[in-house]
PDB file of N, CA and C in Angstrom:
ATOM      1  N   MET A   1      10.358  13.849   7.864  1.00  0.00           N
ATOM      2  CA  MET A   1       9.138  13.137   7.457  1.00  0.00           C
ATOM      3  C   MET A   1       8.737  13.593   6.062  1.00  0.00           C
ATOM      4  N   GLY A   2       8.291  12.749   5.249  1.00  0.00           N
ATOM      5  CA  GLY A   2       7.900  13.115   3.881  1.00  0.00           C
ATOM      6  C   GLY A   2       6.431  13.519   3.869  1.00  0.00           C
ATOM      7  N   ALA A   3       5.965  13.772   2.658  1.00  0.00           N
ATOM      8  CA  ALA A   3       4.567  14.122   2.461  1.00  0.00           C
ATOM      9  C   ALA A   3       3.689  12.928   2.816  1.00  0.00           C
ATOM     10  N   VAL A   4       2.537  13.246   3.319  1.00  0.00           N
ATOM     11  CA  VAL A   4       1.568  12.210   3.651  1.00  0.00           C
ATOM     12  C   VAL A   4       0.535  12.143   2.544  1.00  0.00           C
ATOM     13  N   ILE A   5       0.345  10.966   2.003  1.00  0.00           N
ATOM     14  CA  ILE A   5      -0.616  10.730   0.904  1.00  0.00           C
ATOM     15  C   ILE A   5      -1.963  10.442   1.564  1.00  0.00           C
ATOM     16  N   PRO A   6      -3.022  11.186   1.256  1.00  0.00           N
ATOM     17  CA  PRO A   6      -4.333  10.845   1.834  1.00  0.00           C
ATOM     18  C   PRO A   6      -4.753   9.431   1.519  1.00  0.00           C
ATOM     19  N   ASN A   7      -5.372   8.784   2.486  1.00  0.00           N
ATOM     20  CA  ASN A   7      -5.696   7.332   2.370  1.00  0.00           C
ATOM     21  C   ASN A   7      -6.541   7.050   1.123  1.00  0.00           C
ATOM     22  N   ASP A   8      -7.478   7.913   0.749  1.00  0.00           N
ATOM     23  CA  ASP A   8      -8.342   7.638  -0.414  1.00  0.00           C
ATOM     24  C   ASP A   8      -7.612   7.794  -1.737  1.00  0.00           C
ATOM     25  N   LEU A   9      -6.342   8.266  -1.698  1.00  0.00           N
ATOM     26  CA  LEU A   9      -5.579   8.399  -2.913  1.00  0.00           C
ATOM     27  C   LEU A   9      -4.417   7.383  -2.992  1.00  0.00           C
ATOM     28  N   LYS A  10      -4.183   6.673  -1.909  1.00  0.00           N
ATOM     29  CA  LYS A  10      -3.046   5.680  -1.893  1.00  0.00           C
ATOM     30  C   LYS A  10      -3.266   4.535  -2.837  1.00  0.00           C
ATOM     31  N   GLU A  11      -4.481   4.029  -2.926  1.00  0.00           N
ATOM     32  CA  GLU A  11      -4.730   2.864  -3.777  1.00  0.00           C
ATOM     33  C   GLU A  11      -5.821   3.210  -4.808  1.00  0.00           C
ATOM     34  N   THR A  12      -5.530   2.946  -6.025  1.00  0.00           N
ATOM     35  CA  THR A  12      -6.454   3.205  -7.122  1.00  0.00           C
ATOM     36  C   THR A  12      -6.797   1.913  -7.856  1.00  0.00           C
ATOM     37  N   ASP A  13      -7.706   1.995  -8.785  1.00  0.00           N
ATOM     38  CA  ASP A  13      -8.005   0.818  -9.611  1.00  0.00           C
ATOM     39  C   ASP A  13      -6.788   0.346 -10.348  1.00  0.00           C
ATOM     40  N   PHE A  14      -5.937   1.278 -10.797  1.00  0.00           N
ATOM     41  CA  PHE A  14      -4.720   0.907 -11.504  1.00  0.00           C
ATOM     42  C   PHE A  14      -3.730   0.188 -10.577  1.00  0.00           C
ATOM     43  N   ASN A  15      -3.553   0.701  -9.328  1.00  0.00           N
ATOM     44  CA  ASN A  15      -2.733   0.024  -8.365  1.00  0.00           C
ATOM     45  C   ASN A  15      -3.198  -1.413  -8.171  1.00  0.00           C
ATOM     46  N   ARG A  16      -4.491  -1.617  -7.956  1.00  0.00           N
ATOM     47  CA  ARG A  16      -5.052  -2.918  -7.771  1.00  0.00           C
ATOM     48  C   ARG A  16      -4.811  -3.799  -8.981  1.00  0.00           C
ATOM     49  N   TYR A  17      -4.951  -3.213 -10.167  1.00  0.00           N
ATOM     50  CA  TYR A  17      -4.715  -3.984 -11.411  1.00  0.00           C
ATOM     51  C   TYR A  17      -3.278  -4.481 -11.469  1.00  0.00           C
ATOM     52  N   LEU A  18      -2.317  -3.575 -11.179  1.00  0.00           N
ATOM     53  CA  LEU A  18      -0.909  -3.971 -11.241  1.00  0.00           C
ATOM     54  C   LEU A  18      -0.599  -5.074 -10.199  1.00  0.00           C
ATOM     55  N   LYS A  19      -1.163  -4.919  -9.025  1.00  0.00           N
ATOM     56  CA  LYS A  19      -0.984  -5.957  -8.005  1.00  0.00           C
ATOM     57  C   LYS A  19      -1.543  -7.309  -8.454  1.00  0.00           C
ATOM     58  N   SER A  20      -2.737  -7.288  -9.070  1.00  0.00           N
ATOM     59  CA  SER A  20      -3.336  -8.520  -9.516  1.00  0.00           C
ATOM     60  C   SER A  20      -2.550  -9.137 -10.634  1.00  0.00           C
ATOM     61  N   ALA A  21      -1.765  -8.324 -11.380  1.00  0.00           N
ATOM     62  CA  ALA A  21      -0.887  -8.832 -12.439  1.00  0.00           C
ATOM     63  C   ALA A  21       0.416  -9.359 -11.923  1.00  0.00           C
ATOM     64  N   GLY A  22       0.607  -9.253 -10.563  1.00  0.00           N
ATOM     65  CA  GLY A  22       1.792  -9.830  -9.948  1.00  0.00           C
ATOM     66  C   GLY A  22       2.924  -8.843  -9.721  1.00  0.00           C
ATOM     67  N   LEU A  23       2.684  -7.564  -9.982  1.00  0.00           N
ATOM     68  CA  LEU A  23       3.755  -6.589  -9.796  1.00  0.00           C
ATOM     69  C   LEU A  23       3.733  -6.123  -8.293  1.00  0.00           C
ATOM     70  N   ASN A  24       4.901  -5.937  -7.710  1.00  0.00           N
ATOM     71  CA  ASN A  24       5.009  -5.495  -6.316  1.00  0.00           C
ATOM     72  C   ASN A  24       5.453  -4.026  -6.314  1.00  0.00           C
ATOM     73  N   MET A  25       4.701  -3.225  -5.545  1.00  0.00           N
ATOM     74  CA  MET A  25       5.090  -1.830  -5.407  1.00  0.00           C
ATOM     75  C   MET A  25       6.339  -1.763  -4.481  1.00  0.00           C
ATOM     76  N   VAL A  26       7.358  -1.097  -4.933  1.00  0.00           N
ATOM     77  CA  VAL A  26       8.557  -0.936  -4.120  1.00  0.00           C
ATOM     78  C   VAL A  26       8.648   0.450  -3.496  1.00  0.00           C
ATOM     79  N   PHE A  27       7.899   1.425  -4.067  1.00  0.00           N
ATOM     80  CA  PHE A  27       7.951   2.749  -3.537  1.00  0.00           C
ATOM     81  C   PHE A  27       6.703   3.502  -3.963  1.00  0.00           C
ATOM     82  N   GLN A  28       6.147   4.313  -3.083  1.00  0.00           N
ATOM     83  CA  GLN A  28       5.049   5.195  -3.437  1.00  0.00           C
ATOM     84  C   GLN A  28       5.437   6.616  -3.026  1.00  0.00           C
ATOM     85  N   GLY A  29       5.669   7.465  -4.012  1.00  0.00           N
ATOM     86  CA  GLY A  29       5.995   8.860  -3.782  1.00  0.00           C
ATOM     87  C   GLY A  29       4.780   9.735  -3.801  1.00  0.00           C
ATOM     88  N   LYS A  30       5.036  11.040  -3.830  1.00  0.00           N
ATOM     89  CA  LYS A  30       3.929  11.998  -3.804  1.00  0.00           C
ATOM     90  C   LYS A  30       3.077  11.859  -5.051  1.00  0.00           C
ATOM     91  N   THR A  31       3.721  11.734  -6.197  1.00  0.00           N
ATOM     92  CA  THR A  31       2.970  11.689  -7.500  1.00  0.00           C
ATOM     93  C   THR A  31       3.332  10.539  -8.365  1.00  0.00           C
ATOM     94  N   ARG A  32       4.261   9.680  -7.977  1.00  0.00           N
ATOM     95  CA  ARG A  32       4.640   8.573  -8.761  1.00  0.00           C
ATOM     96  C   ARG A  32       4.763   7.319  -7.905  1.00  0.00           C
ATOM     97  N   ASP A  33       4.482   6.195  -8.526  1.00  0.00           N
ATOM     98  CA  ASP A  33       4.610   4.884  -7.838  1.00  0.00           C
ATOM     99  C   ASP A  33       5.659   4.050  -8.617  1.00  0.00           C
ATOM    100  N   MET A  34       6.374   3.236  -7.887  1.00  0.00           N
ATOM    101  CA  MET A  34       7.402   2.416  -8.521  1.00  0.00           C
ATOM    102  C   MET A  34       7.131   0.948  -8.234  1.00  0.00           C
ATOM    103  N   TYR A  35       7.220   0.118  -9.306  1.00  0.00           N
ATOM    104  CA  TYR A  35       6.946  -1.297  -9.177  1.00  0.00           C
ATOM    105  C   TYR A  35       8.161  -2.120  -9.698  1.00  0.00           C
ATOM    106  N   ASP A  36       8.315  -3.294  -9.094  1.00  0.00           N
ATOM    107  CA  ASP A  36       9.311  -4.229  -9.548  1.00  0.00           C
ATOM    108  C   ASP A  36       8.757  -4.934 -10.784  1.00  0.00           C
ATOM    109  N   PHE A  37       9.472  -4.815 -11.901  1.00  0.00           N
ATOM    110  CA  PHE A  37       9.012  -5.378 -13.170  1.00  0.00           C
ATOM    111  C   PHE A  37      10.123  -6.167 -13.812  1.00  0.00           C
ATOM    112  N   ASP A  38      10.170  -7.479 -13.499  1.00  0.00           N
ATOM    113  CA  ASP A  38      11.269  -8.316 -13.947  1.00  0.00           C
ATOM    114  C   ASP A  38      12.606  -7.754 -13.466  1.00  0.00           C
ATOM    115  N   SER A  39      13.494  -7.430 -14.356  1.00  0.00           N
ATOM    116  CA  SER A  39      14.793  -6.839 -13.987  1.00  0.00           C
ATOM    117  C   SER A  39      14.771  -5.328 -14.115  1.00  0.00           C
ATOM    118  N   ASN A  40      13.596  -4.749 -14.316  1.00  0.00           N
ATOM    119  CA  ASN A  40      13.470  -3.309 -14.487  1.00  0.00           C
ATOM    120  C   ASN A  40      12.594  -2.729 -13.385  1.00  0.00           C
ATOM    121  N   LEU A  41      12.490  -1.422 -13.349  1.00  0.00           N
ATOM    122  CA  LEU A  41      11.525  -0.728 -12.496  1.00  0.00           C
ATOM    123  C   LEU A  41      10.495  -0.066 -13.408  1.00  0.00           C
ATOM    124  N   LEU A  42       9.239  -0.197 -13.054  1.00  0.00           N
ATOM    125  CA  LEU A  42       8.150   0.472 -13.761  1.00  0.00           C
ATOM    126  C   LEU A  42       7.766   1.677 -12.920  1.00  0.00           C
ATOM    127  N   ILE A  43       7.889   2.880 -13.491  1.00  0.00           N
ATOM    128  CA  ILE A  43       7.534   4.068 -12.781  1.00  0.00           C
ATOM    129  C   ILE A  43       6.199   4.603 -13.376  1.00  0.00           C
ATOM    130  N   VAL A  44       5.216   4.738 -12.510  1.00  0.00           N
ATOM    131  CA  VAL A  44       3.876   5.099 -12.954  1.00  0.00           C
ATOM    132  C   VAL A  44       3.570   6.502 -12.459  1.00  0.00           C
ATOM    133  N   ALA A  45       3.264   7.428 -13.374  1.00  0.00           N
ATOM    134  CA  ALA A  45       2.815   8.776 -12.995  1.00  0.00           C
ATOM    135  C   ALA A  45       1.368   8.702 -12.598  1.00  0.00           C
ATOM    136  N   SER A  46       1.081   9.127 -11.372  1.00  0.00           N
ATOM    137  CA  SER A  46      -0.278   9.023 -10.872  1.00  0.00           C
ATOM    138  C   SER A  46      -1.097  10.286 -11.141  1.00  0.00           C
ATOM    139  N   ASP A  47      -2.339  10.272 -10.734  1.00  0.00           N
ATOM    140  CA  ASP A  47      -3.192  11.461 -10.870  1.00  0.00           C
ATOM    141  C   ASP A  47      -3.121  12.314  -9.606  1.00  0.00           C
ATOM    142  N   ARG A  48      -2.246  11.924  -8.644  1.00  0.00           N
ATOM    143  CA  ARG A  48      -2.128  12.735  -7.435  1.00  0.00           C
ATOM    144  C   ARG A  48      -1.485  14.070  -7.736  1.00  0.00           C
ATOM    145  N   LEU A  49      -1.846  15.068  -6.916  1.00  0.00           N
ATOM    146  CA  LEU A  49      -1.334  16.409  -7.099  1.00  0.00           C
ATOM    147  C   LEU A  49      -0.656  16.862  -5.820  1.00  0.00           C
ATOM    148  N   SER A  50       0.563  17.380  -5.964  1.00  0.00           N
ATOM    149  CA  SER A  50       1.286  17.802  -4.754  1.00  0.00           C
ATOM    150  C   SER A  50       1.733  19.229  -4.881  1.00  0.00           C
ATOM    151  N   ILE A  51       1.851  19.843  -3.723  1.00  0.00           N
ATOM    152  CA  ILE A  51       2.373  21.227  -3.615  1.00  0.00           C
ATOM    153  C   ILE A  51       3.434  21.162  -2.505  1.00  0.00           C
ATOM    154  N   PHE A  52       4.652  21.376  -2.841  1.00  0.00           N
ATOM    155  CA  PHE A  52       5.771  21.284  -1.922  1.00  0.00           C
ATOM    156  C   PHE A  52       5.710  19.939  -1.195  1.00  0.00           C
ATOM    157  N   GLU A  53       5.565  19.898   0.113  1.00  0.00           N
ATOM    158  CA  GLU A  53       5.522  18.614   0.858  1.00  0.00           C
ATOM    159  C   GLU A  53       4.105  18.151   1.179  1.00  0.00           C
ATOM    160  N   PHE A  54       3.128  18.660   0.489  1.00  0.00           N
ATOM    161  CA  PHE A  54       1.736  18.272   0.728  1.00  0.00           C
ATOM    162  C   PHE A  54       1.168  17.592  -0.519  1.00  0.00           C
ATOM    163  N   VAL A  55       0.407  16.513  -0.279  1.00  0.00           N
ATOM    164  CA  VAL A  55      -0.343  15.894  -1.333  1.00  0.00           C
ATOM    165  C   VAL A  55      -1.777  16.271  -1.137  1.00  0.00           C
ATOM    166  N   LEU A  56      -2.391  16.936  -2.092  1.00  0.00           N
ATOM    167  CA  LEU A  56      -3.720  17.427  -1.993  1.00  0.00           C
ATOM    168  C   LEU A  56      -4.723  16.254  -1.959  1.00  0.00           C
ATOM    169  N   ASN A  57      -5.821  16.438  -1.247  1.00  0.00           N
ATOM    170  CA  ASN A  57      -6.807  15.376  -1.074  1.00  0.00           C
ATOM    171  C   ASN A  57      -7.742  15.311  -2.307  1.00  0.00           C
ATOM    172  N   THR A  58      -7.194  15.378  -3.477  1.00  0.00           N
ATOM    173  CA  THR A  58      -7.946  15.284  -4.712  1.00  0.00           C
ATOM    174  C   THR A  58      -6.991  14.709  -5.785  1.00  0.00           C
ATOM    175  N   ALA A  59      -7.578  14.293  -6.868  1.00  0.00           N
ATOM    176  CA  ALA A  59      -6.758  13.810  -7.983  1.00  0.00           C
ATOM    177  C   ALA A  59      -7.177  14.572  -9.241  1.00  0.00           C
ATOM    178  N   VAL A  60      -6.248  14.709 -10.174  1.00  0.00           N
ATOM    179  CA  VAL A  60      -6.547  15.324 -11.469  1.00  0.00           C
ATOM    180  C   VAL A  60      -6.708  14.173 -12.463  1.00  0.00           C
ATOM    181  N   PRO A  61      -7.955  13.955 -12.903  1.00  0.00           N
ATOM    182  CA  PRO A  61      -8.217  12.835 -13.783  1.00  0.00           C
ATOM    183  C   PRO A  61      -7.309  12.840 -15.031  1.00  0.00           C
ATOM    184  N   ARG A  62      -6.719  11.643 -15.305  1.00  0.00           N
ATOM    185  CA  ARG A  62      -5.894  11.404 -16.483  1.00  0.00           C
ATOM    186  C   ARG A  62      -4.563  12.197 -16.508  1.00  0.00           C
ATOM    187  N   LYS A  63      -4.220  12.823 -15.388  1.00  0.00           N
ATOM    188  CA  LYS A  63      -2.947  13.544 -15.296  1.00  0.00           C
ATOM    189  C   LYS A  63      -1.775  12.617 -15.592  1.00  0.00           C
ATOM    190  N   GLY A  64      -1.777  11.432 -15.031  1.00  0.00           N
ATOM    191  CA  GLY A  64      -0.706  10.478 -15.266  1.00  0.00           C
ATOM    192  C   GLY A  64      -0.587  10.054 -16.705  1.00  0.00           C
ATOM    193  N   GLU A  65      -1.720   9.860 -17.360  1.00  0.00           N
ATOM    194  CA  GLU A  65      -1.734   9.496 -18.781  1.00  0.00           C
ATOM    195  C   GLU A  65      -1.120  10.619 -19.612  1.00  0.00           C
ATOM    196  N   VAL A  66      -1.522  11.839 -19.345  1.00  0.00           N
ATOM    197  CA  VAL A  66      -1.012  12.989 -20.123  1.00  0.00           C
ATOM    198  C   VAL A  66       0.503  13.134 -19.969  1.00  0.00           C
ATOM    199  N   LEU A  67       0.955  13.064 -18.716  1.00  0.00           N
ATOM    200  CA  LEU A  67       2.408  13.199 -18.466  1.00  0.00           C
ATOM    201  C   LEU A  67       3.199  12.084 -19.142  1.00  0.00           C
ATOM    202  N   THR A  68       2.645  10.856 -19.068  1.00  0.00           N
ATOM    203  CA  THR A  68       3.323   9.727 -19.718  1.00  0.00           C
ATOM    204  C   THR A  68       3.368   9.886 -21.230  1.00  0.00           C
ATOM    205  N   ALA A  69       2.278  10.373 -21.818  1.00  0.00           N
ATOM    206  CA  ALA A  69       2.232  10.585 -23.247  1.00  0.00           C
ATOM    207  C   ALA A  69       3.232  11.683 -23.676  1.00  0.00           C
ATOM    208  N   LEU A  70       3.344  12.728 -22.905  1.00  0.00           N
ATOM    209  CA  LEU A  70       4.316  13.764 -23.204  1.00  0.00           C
ATOM    210  C   LEU A  70       5.753  13.221 -23.165  1.00  0.00           C
ATOM    211  N   VAL A  71       6.116  12.509 -22.101  1.00  0.00           N
ATOM    212  CA  VAL A  71       7.441  11.903 -22.021  1.00  0.00           C
ATOM    213  C   VAL A  71       7.677  10.953 -23.180  1.00  0.00           C
ATOM    214  N   HIS A  72       6.719  10.146 -23.526  1.00  0.00           N
ATOM    215  CA  HIS A  72       6.887   9.181 -24.612  1.00  0.00           C
ATOM    216  C   HIS A  72       7.144   9.952 -25.931  1.00  0.00           C
ATOM    217  N   PHE A  73       6.377  11.006 -26.201  1.00  0.00           N
ATOM    218  CA  PHE A  73       6.591  11.802 -27.399  1.00  0.00           C
ATOM    219  C   PHE A  73       7.991  12.352 -27.462  1.00  0.00           C
ATOM    220  N   TRP A  74       8.439  13.007 -26.384  1.00  0.00           N
ATOM    221  CA  TRP A  74       9.779  13.615 -26.405  1.00  0.00           C
ATOM    222  C   TRP A  74      10.858  12.605 -26.587  1.00  0.00           C
ATOM    223  N   LEU A  75      10.765  11.499 -25.870  1.00  0.00           N
ATOM    224  CA  LEU A  75      11.828  10.491 -25.952  1.00  0.00           C
ATOM    225  C   LEU A  75      11.897   9.727 -27.283  1.00  0.00           C
ATOM    226  N   THR A  76      10.704   9.529 -27.897  1.00  0.00           N
ATOM    227  CA  THR A  76      10.714   8.759 -29.166  1.00  0.00           C
ATOM    228  C   THR A  76      10.821   9.639 -30.412  1.00  0.00           C
ATOM    229  N   ASN A  77      10.468  10.903 -30.330  1.00  0.00           N
ATOM    230  CA  ASN A  77      10.492  11.764 -31.505  1.00  0.00           C
ATOM    231  C   ASN A  77      11.594  12.801 -31.479  1.00  0.00           C
ATOM    232  N   VAL A  78      11.755  13.440 -30.351  1.00  0.00           N
ATOM    233  CA  VAL A  78      12.702  14.578 -30.304  1.00  0.00           C
ATOM    234  C   VAL A  78      14.067  14.120 -29.799  1.00  0.00           C
ATOM    235  N   LEU A  79      14.087  13.257 -28.810  1.00  0.00           N
ATOM    236  CA  LEU A  79      15.375  12.863 -28.201  1.00  0.00           C
ATOM    237  C   LEU A  79      15.770  11.414 -28.535  1.00  0.00           C
ATOM    238  N   SER A  80      15.276  10.926 -29.623  1.00  0.00           N
ATOM    239  CA  SER A  80      15.502   9.515 -29.954  1.00  0.00           C
ATOM    240  C   SER A  80      16.986   9.166 -30.211  1.00  0.00           C
ATOM    241  N   ASN A  81      17.787  10.161 -30.508  1.00  0.00           N
ATOM    242  CA  ASN A  81      19.225   9.879 -30.764  1.00  0.00           C
ATOM    243  C   ASN A  81      20.069   9.963 -29.481  1.00  0.00           C
ATOM    244  N   PHE A  82      19.413  10.174 -28.367  1.00  0.00           N
ATOM    245  CA  PHE A  82      20.112  10.245 -27.093  1.00  0.00           C
ATOM    246  C   PHE A  82      19.730   9.094 -26.182  1.00  0.00           C
ATOM    247  N   GLN A  83      20.596   8.664 -25.336  1.00  0.00           N
ATOM    248  CA  GLN A  83      20.297   7.621 -24.384  1.00  0.00           C
ATOM    249  C   GLN A  83      19.303   8.114 -23.406  1.00  0.00           C
ATOM    250  N   HIS A  84      18.275   7.281 -23.075  1.00  0.00           N
ATOM    251  CA  HIS A  84      17.272   7.649 -22.120  1.00  0.00           C
ATOM    252  C   HIS A  84      16.743   6.407 -21.403  1.00  0.00           C
ATOM    253  N   HIS A  85      15.755   6.590 -20.559  1.00  0.00           N
ATOM    254  CA  HIS A  85      15.285   5.520 -19.673  1.00  0.00           C
ATOM    255  C   HIS A  85      14.126   4.713 -20.273  1.00  0.00           C
ATOM    256  N   LEU A  86      13.572   5.087 -21.403  1.00  0.00           N
ATOM    257  CA  LEU A  86      12.425   4.397 -21.966  1.00  0.00           C
ATOM    258  C   LEU A  86      12.824   3.045 -22.519  1.00  0.00           C
ATOM    259  N   VAL A  87      12.056   2.013 -22.080  1.00  0.00           N
ATOM    260  CA  VAL A  87      12.330   0.633 -22.549  1.00  0.00           C
ATOM    261  C   VAL A  87      11.157   0.193 -23.385  1.00  0.00           C
ATOM    262  N   GLU A  88      11.452  -0.414 -24.536  1.00  0.00           N
ATOM    263  CA  GLU A  88      10.369  -0.889 -25.431  1.00  0.00           C
ATOM    264  C   GLU A  88       9.719  -2.127 -24.814  1.00  0.00           C
TER     265      GLU A  88
END
């Protein structure tokens, strides 16, 4: 059995926004959600916080934004000469 996500953290304003834009969630993990986006997958870093197989019943505000910004920086500035998963 995997980690259980507390009900009040399963759906957020951002989840509802993506659903209203027509994206279908194909997977919800402990800290990331995956959506079908045309012929690609959109992976969204959430504000959920996990420890081993537990998802804490709280969120860290803007955690997903910060992690996404860090990955974007590294892939576009430091690792731009290497093949990676970032799509423009």
